Amino acid sequence: MKSKGCLIGGGIFAALLVLALVVFGWGIGISNNIKTLDQSVQKHWSNVENTYQKRADLIPNLVSTVKGAANFEQETLTGVIEARAKATSTQLTLNDASELTPENIAKFQQAQDQLGSALSRLMVSVERYPQLTATQNFQSLQAELSSIEQEVLFERKKFNDAAEVYNSTIVRFPASMIAGFIGAKEKGYFKSAAGSENAPKVEF
């Protein structure tokens, strides 16, 4: 009788052990999936930063070229320079993915959008200087800026798509339990402003 009880007890223990291993493996699988999605978000964020950096790197050449025009509006140039300084100082680190919060993304976007607006004002002002717009150097910079602005929109959309998949995953049960355990947090999105479906106008 004692032997039979031991066998039953041993069977229950074995069943519980198998169940625990299954649950543990299930949790590890969900955790790994969340981490994979997190890496995808970070990769697309890196692409977003790279495209914005390309725009920032182009601006000194653009400003230098425009400065060559006689009596060009100094206030407009100063606005671009100051907006660039603010945009390049508003950076989010990829060392900690938790930095990609809705609040931080909004702050980053605000700085970048202000630079975009300053650039748009600059390009509108340039229309009054036909000798400048006719130069090959300016036309090349203009075409490059237009290409970068389109690239920015493209990379922002890809980031939003990746963030949406990640956010949807961590709020759905049962993944939400694992997400809470490993500290997974909501990622921010880039939000569209009025007219943002079009890149800033840089052609005349």
N, C-alpha and C. Protein backbone atom coordinates (compact mmCIF):
# COMPACT_ATOMS: atom_id res chain seq x y z
N MET A 1 0.82 -1.20 0.00
CA MET A 1 0.00 0.00 0.00
C MET A 1 0.87 1.26 0.00
N LYS A 2 1.91 1.21 0.84
CA LYS A 2 2.85 2.32 0.91
C LYS A 2 3.56 2.51 -0.41
N SER A 3 3.88 1.40 -1.07
CA SER A 3 4.57 1.46 -2.36
C SER A 3 3.66 2.06 -3.43
N LYS A 4 2.37 1.69 -3.35
CA LYS A 4 1.41 2.24 -4.31
C LYS A 4 1.26 3.74 -4.11
N GLY A 5 1.25 4.19 -2.86
CA GLY A 5 1.14 5.62 -2.56
C GLY A 5 2.35 6.37 -3.07
N CYS A 6 3.51 5.75 -2.92
CA CYS A 6 4.74 6.39 -3.41
C CYS A 6 4.72 6.55 -4.93
N LEU A 7 4.17 5.50 -5.58
CA LEU A 7 4.08 5.56 -7.04
C LEU A 7 3.15 6.67 -7.50
N ILE A 8 2.01 6.78 -6.79
CA ILE A 8 1.05 7.83 -7.14
C ILE A 8 1.66 9.22 -6.91
N GLY A 9 2.33 9.33 -5.72
CA GLY A 9 2.98 10.60 -5.40
C GLY A 9 4.05 10.94 -6.40
N GLY A 10 4.82 9.92 -6.79
CA GLY A 10 5.87 10.14 -7.78
C GLY A 10 5.31 10.54 -9.13
N GLY A 11 4.17 9.95 -9.48
CA GLY A 11 3.53 10.27 -10.76
C GLY A 11 3.03 11.70 -10.78
N ILE A 12 2.44 12.13 -9.66
CA ILE A 12 1.94 13.50 -9.59
C ILE A 12 3.09 14.49 -9.68
N PHE A 13 4.17 14.17 -8.97
CA PHE A 13 5.35 15.04 -9.00
C PHE A 13 5.90 15.16 -10.42
N ALA A 14 5.97 14.02 -11.10
CA ALA A 14 6.49 14.01 -12.48
C ALA A 14 5.58 14.83 -13.40
N ALA A 15 4.26 14.69 -13.20
CA ALA A 15 3.31 15.43 -14.04
C ALA A 15 3.45 16.94 -13.80
N LEU A 16 3.59 17.30 -12.50
CA LEU A 16 3.76 18.70 -12.17
C LEU A 16 5.07 19.26 -12.74
N LEU A 17 6.10 18.42 -12.72
CA LEU A 17 7.39 18.83 -13.25
C LEU A 17 7.30 19.07 -14.76
N VAL A 18 6.63 18.17 -15.45
CA VAL A 18 6.45 18.32 -16.90
C VAL A 18 5.64 19.57 -17.20
N LEU A 19 4.57 19.79 -16.41
CA LEU A 19 3.73 20.97 -16.60
C LEU A 19 4.54 22.25 -16.39
N ALA A 20 5.37 22.24 -15.33
CA ALA A 20 6.19 23.41 -15.04
C ALA A 20 7.17 23.68 -16.17
N LEU A 21 7.74 22.62 -16.74
CA LEU A 21 8.67 22.79 -17.85
C LEU A 21 7.97 23.33 -19.10
N VAL A 22 6.74 22.85 -19.32
CA VAL A 22 5.96 23.34 -20.46
C VAL A 22 5.64 24.82 -20.31
N VAL A 23 5.17 25.19 -19.10
CA VAL A 23 4.85 26.60 -18.84
C VAL A 23 6.09 27.48 -18.95
N PHE A 24 7.21 26.96 -18.43
CA PHE A 24 8.46 27.72 -18.49
C PHE A 24 8.89 27.92 -19.94
N GLY A 25 8.81 26.86 -20.72
CA GLY A 25 9.17 26.95 -22.14
C GLY A 25 8.25 27.90 -22.89
N TRP A 26 6.97 27.86 -22.56
CA TRP A 26 5.99 28.76 -23.17
C TRP A 26 6.33 30.21 -22.84
N GLY A 27 6.66 30.47 -21.58
CA GLY A 27 7.03 31.82 -21.16
C GLY A 27 8.29 32.30 -21.85
N ILE A 28 9.27 31.43 -21.97
CA ILE A 28 10.52 31.78 -22.64
C ILE A 28 10.26 32.12 -24.10
N GLY A 29 9.38 31.34 -24.73
CA GLY A 29 9.04 31.59 -26.14
C GLY A 29 8.41 32.95 -26.34
N ILE A 30 7.48 33.31 -25.46
CA ILE A 30 6.82 34.62 -25.56
C ILE A 30 7.82 35.74 -25.29
N SER A 31 8.66 35.54 -24.27
CA SER A 31 9.68 36.53 -23.93
C SER A 31 10.62 36.76 -25.11
N ASN A 32 11.05 35.68 -25.74
CA ASN A 32 11.95 35.80 -26.89
C ASN A 32 11.29 36.53 -28.06
N ASN A 33 9.99 36.26 -28.24
CA ASN A 33 9.27 36.94 -29.33
C ASN A 33 9.18 38.44 -29.06
N ILE A 34 8.90 38.82 -27.82
CA ILE A 34 8.83 40.24 -27.46
C ILE A 34 10.18 40.90 -27.69
N LYS A 35 11.25 40.22 -27.30
CA LYS A 35 12.60 40.77 -27.47
C LYS A 35 12.96 40.90 -28.95
N THR A 36 12.51 39.96 -29.75
CA THR A 36 12.77 40.03 -31.20
C THR A 36 12.05 41.22 -31.80
N LEU A 37 10.79 41.43 -31.39
CA LEU A 37 10.03 42.58 -31.88
C LEU A 37 10.66 43.89 -31.41
N ASP A 38 11.19 43.88 -30.20
CA ASP A 38 11.87 45.06 -29.66
C ASP A 38 13.10 45.39 -30.49
N GLN A 39 13.85 44.37 -30.89
CA GLN A 39 15.02 44.58 -31.73
C GLN A 39 14.62 45.17 -33.09
N SER A 40 13.49 44.73 -33.61
CA SER A 40 13.01 45.26 -34.88
C SER A 40 12.68 46.74 -34.75
N VAL A 41 12.03 47.11 -33.64
CA VAL A 41 11.72 48.52 -33.41
C VAL A 41 13.00 49.34 -33.34
N GLN A 42 13.99 48.84 -32.62
CA GLN A 42 15.26 49.56 -32.48
C GLN A 42 15.98 49.71 -33.82
N LYS A 43 15.90 48.67 -34.64
CA LYS A 43 16.54 48.73 -35.96
C LYS A 43 15.90 49.83 -36.81
N HIS A 44 14.58 49.89 -36.80
CA HIS A 44 13.89 50.91 -37.59
C HIS A 44 14.11 52.30 -36.99
N TRP A 45 14.24 52.38 -35.68
CA TRP A 45 14.55 53.67 -35.07
C TRP A 45 15.92 54.16 -35.52
N SER A 46 16.86 53.24 -35.59
CA SER A 46 18.20 53.59 -36.05
C SER A 46 18.15 54.14 -37.47
N ASN A 47 17.31 53.53 -38.31
CA ASN A 47 17.16 54.01 -39.69
C ASN A 47 16.56 55.42 -39.72
N VAL A 48 15.59 55.66 -38.84
CA VAL A 48 14.99 56.99 -38.75
C VAL A 48 16.06 58.02 -38.38
N GLU A 49 16.83 57.72 -37.35
CA GLU A 49 17.89 58.64 -36.91
C GLU A 49 18.91 58.89 -38.02
N ASN A 50 19.24 57.83 -38.75
CA ASN A 50 20.22 57.98 -39.83
C ASN A 50 19.73 58.92 -40.92
N THR A 51 18.45 58.81 -41.27
CA THR A 51 17.92 59.69 -42.33
C THR A 51 17.84 61.13 -41.85
N TYR A 52 17.46 61.33 -40.59
CA TYR A 52 17.44 62.69 -40.05
C TYR A 52 18.87 63.25 -39.96
N GLN A 53 19.83 62.38 -39.66
CA GLN A 53 21.21 62.84 -39.60
C GLN A 53 21.71 63.24 -40.98
N LYS A 54 21.29 62.52 -42.01
CA LYS A 54 21.66 62.88 -43.37
C LYS A 54 21.14 64.28 -43.71
N ARG A 55 19.92 64.57 -43.26
CA ARG A 55 19.36 65.90 -43.49
C ARG A 55 20.17 66.96 -42.74
N ALA A 56 20.51 66.66 -41.48
CA ALA A 56 21.28 67.60 -40.68
C ALA A 56 22.66 67.85 -41.29
N ASP A 57 23.26 66.79 -41.84
CA ASP A 57 24.59 66.93 -42.45
C ASP A 57 24.54 67.75 -43.74
N LEU A 58 23.40 67.74 -44.41
CA LEU A 58 23.25 68.48 -45.66
C LEU A 58 23.09 69.98 -45.41
N ILE A 59 22.51 70.34 -44.28
CA ILE A 59 22.15 71.73 -44.02
C ILE A 59 23.34 72.70 -44.05
N PRO A 60 24.50 72.38 -43.45
CA PRO A 60 25.61 73.34 -43.52
C PRO A 60 25.99 73.71 -44.95
N ASN A 61 26.00 72.72 -45.86
CA ASN A 61 26.31 73.01 -47.26
C ASN A 61 25.22 73.89 -47.89
N LEU A 62 23.97 73.59 -47.53
CA LEU A 62 22.86 74.37 -48.08
C LEU A 62 22.93 75.82 -47.58
N VAL A 63 23.16 75.99 -46.29
CA VAL A 63 23.25 77.33 -45.71
C VAL A 63 24.43 78.10 -46.31
N SER A 64 25.56 77.40 -46.45
CA SER A 64 26.75 78.03 -47.02
C SER A 64 26.49 78.51 -48.44
N THR A 65 25.78 77.70 -49.21
CA THR A 65 25.48 78.08 -50.60
C THR A 65 24.54 79.28 -50.65
N VAL A 66 23.51 79.25 -49.80
CA VAL A 66 22.53 80.34 -49.78
C VAL A 66 23.16 81.64 -49.29
N LYS A 67 24.11 81.55 -48.37
CA LYS A 67 24.78 82.74 -47.85
C LYS A 67 25.47 83.53 -48.97
N GLY A 68 25.79 82.83 -50.05
CA GLY A 68 26.48 83.48 -51.15
C GLY A 68 25.60 84.46 -51.90
N ALA A 69 24.29 84.38 -51.70
CA ALA A 69 23.38 85.30 -52.38
C ALA A 69 23.40 86.65 -51.68
N ALA A 70 23.53 87.69 -52.45
CA ALA A 70 23.59 89.04 -51.86
C ALA A 70 22.30 89.39 -51.15
N ASN A 71 22.44 89.96 -49.95
CA ASN A 71 21.30 90.46 -49.17
C ASN A 71 20.27 89.38 -48.81
N PHE A 72 20.72 88.14 -48.70
CA PHE A 72 19.76 87.09 -48.33
C PHE A 72 19.32 87.30 -46.89
N GLU A 73 18.04 86.99 -46.59
CA GLU A 73 17.46 87.22 -45.27
C GLU A 73 18.24 86.48 -44.18
N GLN A 74 18.93 87.23 -43.35
CA GLN A 74 19.74 86.64 -42.29
C GLN A 74 18.86 85.93 -41.26
N GLU A 75 17.69 86.48 -41.01
CA GLU A 75 16.79 85.88 -40.01
C GLU A 75 16.38 84.47 -40.41
N THR A 76 16.14 84.28 -41.69
CA THR A 76 15.75 82.96 -42.18
C THR A 76 16.88 81.96 -42.01
N LEU A 77 18.09 82.37 -42.34
CA LEU A 77 19.25 81.50 -42.18
C LEU A 77 19.49 81.16 -40.71
N THR A 78 19.35 82.17 -39.86
CA THR A 78 19.54 81.94 -38.42
C THR A 78 18.52 80.95 -37.89
N GLY A 79 17.28 81.06 -38.39
CA GLY A 79 16.23 80.13 -37.96
C GLY A 79 16.58 78.68 -38.30
N VAL A 80 17.13 78.46 -39.49
CA VAL A 80 17.53 77.12 -39.90
C VAL A 80 18.68 76.60 -39.03
N ILE A 81 19.66 77.45 -38.81
CA ILE A 81 20.84 77.05 -38.02
C ILE A 81 20.43 76.69 -36.59
N GLU A 82 19.56 77.53 -35.99
CA GLU A 82 19.13 77.26 -34.62
C GLU A 82 18.26 76.01 -34.54
N ALA A 83 17.39 75.82 -35.52
CA ALA A 83 16.53 74.63 -35.53
C ALA A 83 17.37 73.37 -35.71
N ARG A 84 18.41 73.45 -36.52
CA ARG A 84 19.30 72.29 -36.70
C ARG A 84 20.00 71.95 -35.40
N ALA A 85 20.47 72.98 -34.68
CA ALA A 85 21.16 72.75 -33.42
C ALA A 85 20.24 72.05 -32.42
N LYS A 86 18.99 72.49 -32.37
CA LYS A 86 18.04 71.88 -31.44
C LYS A 86 17.73 70.45 -31.84
N ALA A 87 17.53 70.23 -33.14
CA ALA A 87 17.18 68.90 -33.62
C ALA A 87 18.29 67.90 -33.38
N THR A 88 19.53 68.31 -33.60
CA THR A 88 20.65 67.38 -33.41
C THR A 88 20.96 67.14 -31.94
N SER A 89 20.51 68.05 -31.07
CA SER A 89 20.75 67.84 -29.63
C SER A 89 19.66 66.99 -28.99
N THR A 90 18.54 66.84 -29.69
CA THR A 90 17.43 66.04 -29.16
C THR A 90 17.58 64.62 -29.69
N GLN A 91 18.40 63.84 -29.02
CA GLN A 91 18.66 62.47 -29.46
C GLN A 91 18.16 61.46 -28.42
N LEU A 92 17.76 60.31 -28.90
CA LEU A 92 17.36 59.22 -28.01
C LEU A 92 18.38 58.12 -28.16
N THR A 93 18.78 57.53 -27.05
CA THR A 93 19.82 56.50 -27.10
C THR A 93 19.23 55.12 -27.35
N LEU A 94 19.94 54.34 -28.17
CA LEU A 94 19.52 52.96 -28.39
C LEU A 94 20.11 52.01 -27.35
N ASN A 95 20.89 52.58 -26.42
CA ASN A 95 21.44 51.73 -25.37
C ASN A 95 20.35 51.23 -24.44
N ASP A 96 19.23 51.93 -24.41
CA ASP A 96 18.11 51.54 -23.57
C ASP A 96 16.83 51.74 -24.37
N ALA A 97 16.26 50.64 -24.83
CA ALA A 97 15.08 50.72 -25.69
C ALA A 97 13.89 51.37 -24.99
N SER A 98 13.91 51.41 -23.66
CA SER A 98 12.81 52.02 -22.92
C SER A 98 12.75 53.53 -23.17
N GLU A 99 13.81 54.10 -23.77
CA GLU A 99 13.81 55.53 -24.08
C GLU A 99 12.84 55.87 -25.20
N LEU A 100 12.40 54.88 -25.96
CA LEU A 100 11.51 55.13 -27.09
C LEU A 100 10.06 55.22 -26.62
N THR A 101 9.82 56.04 -25.62
CA THR A 101 8.49 56.22 -25.05
C THR A 101 7.69 57.20 -25.89
N PRO A 102 6.36 57.19 -25.75
CA PRO A 102 5.56 58.17 -26.49
C PRO A 102 5.99 59.61 -26.22
N GLU A 103 6.35 59.92 -24.97
CA GLU A 103 6.76 61.28 -24.62
C GLU A 103 8.07 61.67 -25.31
N ASN A 104 9.03 60.76 -25.31
CA ASN A 104 10.33 61.06 -25.93
C ASN A 104 10.23 61.14 -27.45
N ILE A 105 9.42 60.25 -28.03
CA ILE A 105 9.23 60.30 -29.49
C ILE A 105 8.59 61.63 -29.88
N ALA A 106 7.61 62.08 -29.09
CA ALA A 106 6.93 63.35 -29.39
C ALA A 106 7.92 64.51 -29.29
N LYS A 107 8.79 64.49 -28.29
CA LYS A 107 9.79 65.54 -28.13
C LYS A 107 10.77 65.54 -29.30
N PHE A 108 11.21 64.36 -29.70
CA PHE A 108 12.13 64.23 -30.83
C PHE A 108 11.46 64.73 -32.11
N GLN A 109 10.20 64.32 -32.33
CA GLN A 109 9.50 64.73 -33.54
C GLN A 109 9.29 66.23 -33.58
N GLN A 110 8.97 66.83 -32.44
CA GLN A 110 8.75 68.27 -32.41
C GLN A 110 9.99 69.03 -32.87
N ALA A 111 11.16 68.61 -32.39
CA ALA A 111 12.41 69.27 -32.78
C ALA A 111 12.68 69.09 -34.27
N GLN A 112 12.45 67.87 -34.77
CA GLN A 112 12.69 67.61 -36.20
C GLN A 112 11.69 68.35 -37.08
N ASP A 113 10.44 68.43 -36.63
CA ASP A 113 9.43 69.14 -37.42
C ASP A 113 9.71 70.65 -37.46
N GLN A 114 10.25 71.17 -36.36
CA GLN A 114 10.62 72.59 -36.36
C GLN A 114 11.73 72.86 -37.36
N LEU A 115 12.67 71.93 -37.46
CA LEU A 115 13.73 72.06 -38.46
C LEU A 115 13.15 71.96 -39.86
N GLY A 116 12.21 71.04 -40.05
CA GLY A 116 11.57 70.92 -41.36
C GLY A 116 10.85 72.19 -41.76
N SER A 117 10.18 72.83 -40.80
CA SER A 117 9.47 74.08 -41.09
C SER A 117 10.46 75.20 -41.43
N ALA A 118 11.58 75.24 -40.71
CA ALA A 118 12.60 76.26 -40.99
C ALA A 118 13.17 76.07 -42.39
N LEU A 119 13.39 74.82 -42.76
CA LEU A 119 13.89 74.53 -44.11
C LEU A 119 12.89 74.94 -45.18
N SER A 120 11.61 74.70 -44.90
CA SER A 120 10.58 75.08 -45.87
C SER A 120 10.56 76.59 -46.07
N ARG A 121 10.69 77.34 -44.97
CA ARG A 121 10.72 78.81 -45.08
C ARG A 121 11.95 79.26 -45.87
N LEU A 122 13.06 78.57 -45.64
CA LEU A 122 14.29 78.90 -46.37
C LEU A 122 14.10 78.70 -47.87
N MET A 123 13.52 77.56 -48.23
CA MET A 123 13.37 77.26 -49.65
C MET A 123 12.38 78.20 -50.32
N VAL A 124 11.37 78.66 -49.59
CA VAL A 124 10.43 79.63 -50.14
C VAL A 124 11.14 80.96 -50.36
N SER A 125 11.97 81.35 -49.40
CA SER A 125 12.71 82.61 -49.52
C SER A 125 13.66 82.59 -50.71
N VAL A 126 14.23 81.42 -50.98
CA VAL A 126 15.20 81.29 -52.07
C VAL A 126 14.56 81.59 -53.42
N GLU A 127 13.24 81.43 -53.51
CA GLU A 127 12.56 81.69 -54.79
C GLU A 127 12.81 83.11 -55.29
N ARG A 128 13.10 84.00 -54.36
CA ARG A 128 13.31 85.41 -54.75
C ARG A 128 14.72 85.67 -55.28
N TYR A 129 15.52 84.60 -55.40
CA TYR A 129 16.91 84.75 -55.85
C TYR A 129 17.17 83.81 -57.04
N PRO A 130 16.64 84.16 -58.20
CA PRO A 130 16.76 83.28 -59.38
C PRO A 130 18.20 82.96 -59.76
N GLN A 131 19.12 83.89 -59.52
CA GLN A 131 20.52 83.60 -59.87
C GLN A 131 21.06 82.48 -59.00
N LEU A 132 20.59 82.41 -57.75
CA LEU A 132 21.01 81.35 -56.84
C LEU A 132 20.39 80.02 -57.23
N THR A 133 19.10 80.03 -57.50
CA THR A 133 18.40 78.78 -57.82
C THR A 133 18.87 78.19 -59.14
N ALA A 134 19.47 79.01 -59.98
CA ALA A 134 19.92 78.53 -61.29
C ALA A 134 21.27 77.83 -61.22
N THR A 135 21.96 77.95 -60.09
CA THR A 135 23.29 77.35 -60.01
C THR A 135 23.19 75.83 -59.86
N GLN A 136 24.17 75.12 -60.42
CA GLN A 136 24.18 73.67 -60.36
C GLN A 136 24.32 73.17 -58.92
N ASN A 137 25.13 73.85 -58.13
CA ASN A 137 25.36 73.43 -56.75
C ASN A 137 24.06 73.47 -55.95
N PHE A 138 23.31 74.57 -56.09
CA PHE A 138 22.06 74.68 -55.35
C PHE A 138 21.04 73.65 -55.82
N GLN A 139 20.97 73.47 -57.11
CA GLN A 139 20.01 72.50 -57.65
C GLN A 139 20.31 71.08 -57.16
N SER A 140 21.60 70.76 -57.05
CA SER A 140 21.99 69.43 -56.55
C SER A 140 21.58 69.28 -55.08
N LEU A 141 21.83 70.31 -54.28
CA LEU A 141 21.46 70.28 -52.87
C LEU A 141 19.94 70.20 -52.72
N GLN A 142 19.25 70.92 -53.56
CA GLN A 142 17.79 70.92 -53.53
C GLN A 142 17.23 69.52 -53.81
N ALA A 143 17.79 68.87 -54.83
CA ALA A 143 17.34 67.53 -55.19
C ALA A 143 17.67 66.53 -54.07
N GLU A 144 18.83 66.70 -53.46
CA GLU A 144 19.22 65.80 -52.36
C GLU A 144 18.30 65.98 -51.16
N LEU A 145 17.96 67.22 -50.85
CA LEU A 145 17.07 67.49 -49.73
C LEU A 145 15.69 66.88 -49.97
N SER A 146 15.20 67.03 -51.18
CA SER A 146 13.90 66.47 -51.53
C SER A 146 13.90 64.94 -51.35
N SER A 147 14.99 64.30 -51.79
CA SER A 147 15.12 62.85 -51.66
C SER A 147 15.16 62.42 -50.20
N ILE A 148 15.90 63.17 -49.38
CA ILE A 148 16.02 62.85 -47.96
C ILE A 148 14.67 63.00 -47.25
N GLU A 149 13.92 64.04 -47.60
CA GLU A 149 12.62 64.24 -46.97
C GLU A 149 11.68 63.07 -47.27
N GLN A 150 11.73 62.56 -48.47
CA GLN A 150 10.91 61.40 -48.82
C GLN A 150 11.38 60.17 -48.04
N GLU A 151 12.68 60.05 -47.89
CA GLU A 151 13.25 58.93 -47.14
C GLU A 151 12.84 59.00 -45.67
N VAL A 152 12.80 60.20 -45.12
CA VAL A 152 12.37 60.39 -43.73
C VAL A 152 10.95 59.87 -43.54
N LEU A 153 10.05 60.26 -44.44
CA LEU A 153 8.67 59.80 -44.35
C LEU A 153 8.58 58.28 -44.44
N PHE A 154 9.36 57.70 -45.32
CA PHE A 154 9.36 56.25 -45.51
C PHE A 154 9.85 55.53 -44.25
N GLU A 155 10.97 55.99 -43.68
CA GLU A 155 11.53 55.34 -42.50
C GLU A 155 10.66 55.55 -41.27
N ARG A 156 10.01 56.69 -41.17
CA ARG A 156 9.10 56.91 -40.05
C ARG A 156 7.91 55.96 -40.11
N LYS A 157 7.41 55.72 -41.31
CA LYS A 157 6.29 54.78 -41.45
C LYS A 157 6.71 53.37 -41.05
N LYS A 158 7.90 52.95 -41.47
CA LYS A 158 8.39 51.62 -41.13
C LYS A 158 8.57 51.49 -39.61
N PHE A 159 9.07 52.55 -38.98
CA PHE A 159 9.21 52.53 -37.52
C PHE A 159 7.84 52.41 -36.86
N ASN A 160 6.87 53.20 -37.32
CA ASN A 160 5.52 53.14 -36.74
C ASN A 160 4.93 51.75 -36.89
N ASP A 161 5.14 51.12 -38.04
CA ASP A 161 4.61 49.77 -38.27
C ASP A 161 5.22 48.78 -37.28
N ALA A 162 6.54 48.86 -37.09
CA ALA A 162 7.22 47.95 -36.16
C ALA A 162 6.77 48.21 -34.73
N ALA A 163 6.62 49.48 -34.35
CA ALA A 163 6.17 49.83 -33.00
C ALA A 163 4.75 49.35 -32.76
N GLU A 164 3.91 49.42 -33.80
CA GLU A 164 2.52 48.97 -33.66
C GLU A 164 2.45 47.47 -33.40
N VAL A 165 3.25 46.69 -34.12
CA VAL A 165 3.28 45.24 -33.90
C VAL A 165 3.75 44.94 -32.48
N TYR A 166 4.80 45.61 -32.04
CA TYR A 166 5.33 45.41 -30.69
C TYR A 166 4.30 45.78 -29.63
N ASN A 167 3.70 46.97 -29.76
CA ASN A 167 2.72 47.42 -28.78
C ASN A 167 1.49 46.52 -28.72
N SER A 168 1.05 46.06 -29.88
CA SER A 168 -0.12 45.17 -29.93
C SER A 168 0.19 43.85 -29.23
N THR A 169 1.42 43.38 -29.38
CA THR A 169 1.80 42.11 -28.78
C THR A 169 1.84 42.18 -27.26
N ILE A 170 2.43 43.24 -26.71
CA ILE A 170 2.64 43.28 -25.26
C ILE A 170 1.38 43.58 -24.47
N VAL A 171 0.30 44.01 -25.14
CA VAL A 171 -0.94 44.28 -24.41
C VAL A 171 -1.94 43.14 -24.52
N ARG A 172 -1.67 42.17 -25.39
CA ARG A 172 -2.60 41.05 -25.55
C ARG A 172 -2.30 39.94 -24.55
N PHE A 173 -3.33 39.39 -23.96
CA PHE A 173 -3.17 38.24 -23.07
C PHE A 173 -2.93 36.99 -23.92
N PRO A 174 -2.03 36.11 -23.51
CA PRO A 174 -1.28 36.05 -22.25
C PRO A 174 0.09 36.73 -22.31
N ALA A 175 0.46 37.27 -23.51
CA ALA A 175 1.79 37.89 -23.63
C ALA A 175 1.94 39.07 -22.68
N SER A 176 0.81 39.71 -22.34
CA SER A 176 0.87 40.87 -21.45
C SER A 176 1.45 40.51 -20.08
N MET A 177 1.21 39.27 -19.63
CA MET A 177 1.76 38.84 -18.33
C MET A 177 3.28 38.76 -18.40
N ILE A 178 3.79 38.18 -19.47
CA ILE A 178 5.24 38.06 -19.64
C ILE A 178 5.86 39.44 -19.85
N ALA A 179 5.16 40.30 -20.63
CA ALA A 179 5.66 41.65 -20.90
C ALA A 179 5.83 42.42 -19.59
N GLY A 180 4.86 42.28 -18.70
CA GLY A 180 4.97 42.96 -17.41
C GLY A 180 6.12 42.42 -16.58
N PHE A 181 6.35 41.11 -16.67
CA PHE A 181 7.40 40.47 -15.89
C PHE A 181 8.79 40.92 -16.35
N ILE A 182 8.97 41.08 -17.68
CA ILE A 182 10.29 41.44 -18.21
C ILE A 182 10.45 42.95 -18.38
N GLY A 183 9.42 43.71 -18.01
CA GLY A 183 9.53 45.17 -18.07
C GLY A 183 9.34 45.78 -19.44
N ALA A 184 8.65 45.09 -20.33
CA ALA A 184 8.41 45.62 -21.68
C ALA A 184 7.44 46.80 -21.58
N LYS A 185 7.77 47.91 -22.24
CA LYS A 185 6.94 49.11 -22.18
C LYS A 185 6.53 49.57 -23.57
N GLU A 186 5.44 50.31 -23.61
CA GLU A 186 4.91 50.81 -24.88
C GLU A 186 5.93 51.71 -25.59
N LYS A 187 6.00 51.54 -26.90
CA LYS A 187 6.84 52.40 -27.74
C LYS A 187 6.00 53.57 -28.27
N GLY A 188 6.66 54.67 -28.54
CA GLY A 188 5.96 55.82 -29.10
C GLY A 188 5.84 55.72 -30.62
N TYR A 189 5.00 56.57 -31.17
CA TYR A 189 4.79 56.64 -32.62
C TYR A 189 5.09 58.06 -33.11
N PHE A 190 5.45 58.14 -34.38
CA PHE A 190 5.46 59.44 -35.03
C PHE A 190 4.02 59.74 -35.44
N LYS A 191 3.58 60.95 -35.16
CA LYS A 191 2.22 61.33 -35.49
C LYS A 191 2.23 62.30 -36.66
N SER A 192 1.21 62.19 -37.48
CA SER A 192 1.12 63.04 -38.66
C SER A 192 0.54 64.40 -38.30
N ALA A 193 1.16 65.42 -38.83
CA ALA A 193 0.63 66.77 -38.70
C ALA A 193 -0.08 67.12 -40.00
N ALA A 194 -0.84 68.17 -39.97
CA ALA A 194 -1.57 68.58 -41.17
C ALA A 194 -0.60 68.81 -42.32
N GLY A 195 -0.83 68.12 -43.44
CA GLY A 195 0.02 68.29 -44.61
C GLY A 195 1.28 67.45 -44.58
N SER A 196 1.45 66.64 -43.53
CA SER A 196 2.70 65.88 -43.41
C SER A 196 2.76 64.69 -44.35
N GLU A 197 1.64 64.43 -45.05
CA GLU A 197 1.70 63.34 -46.02
C GLU A 197 2.57 63.73 -47.21
N ASN A 198 2.90 65.02 -47.32
CA ASN A 198 3.78 65.50 -48.38
C ASN A 198 5.08 65.99 -47.80
N ALA A 199 6.17 65.72 -48.47
CA ALA A 199 7.46 66.26 -48.02
C ALA A 199 7.45 67.77 -48.19
N PRO A 200 8.26 68.48 -47.39
CA PRO A 200 8.35 69.95 -47.55
C PRO A 200 8.66 70.32 -49.00
N LYS A 201 7.98 71.35 -49.49
CA LYS A 201 8.17 71.74 -50.88
C LYS A 201 9.53 72.36 -51.10
N VAL A 202 10.30 71.73 -51.96
CA VAL A 202 11.64 72.26 -52.24
C VAL A 202 11.87 72.44 -53.73
N GLU A 203 10.76 72.33 -54.50
CA GLU A 203 10.88 72.54 -55.94
C GLU A 203 10.04 73.76 -56.32
N PHE A 204 10.43 74.38 -57.39
CA PHE A 204 9.76 75.62 -57.75
C PHE A 204 9.01 75.45 -59.09
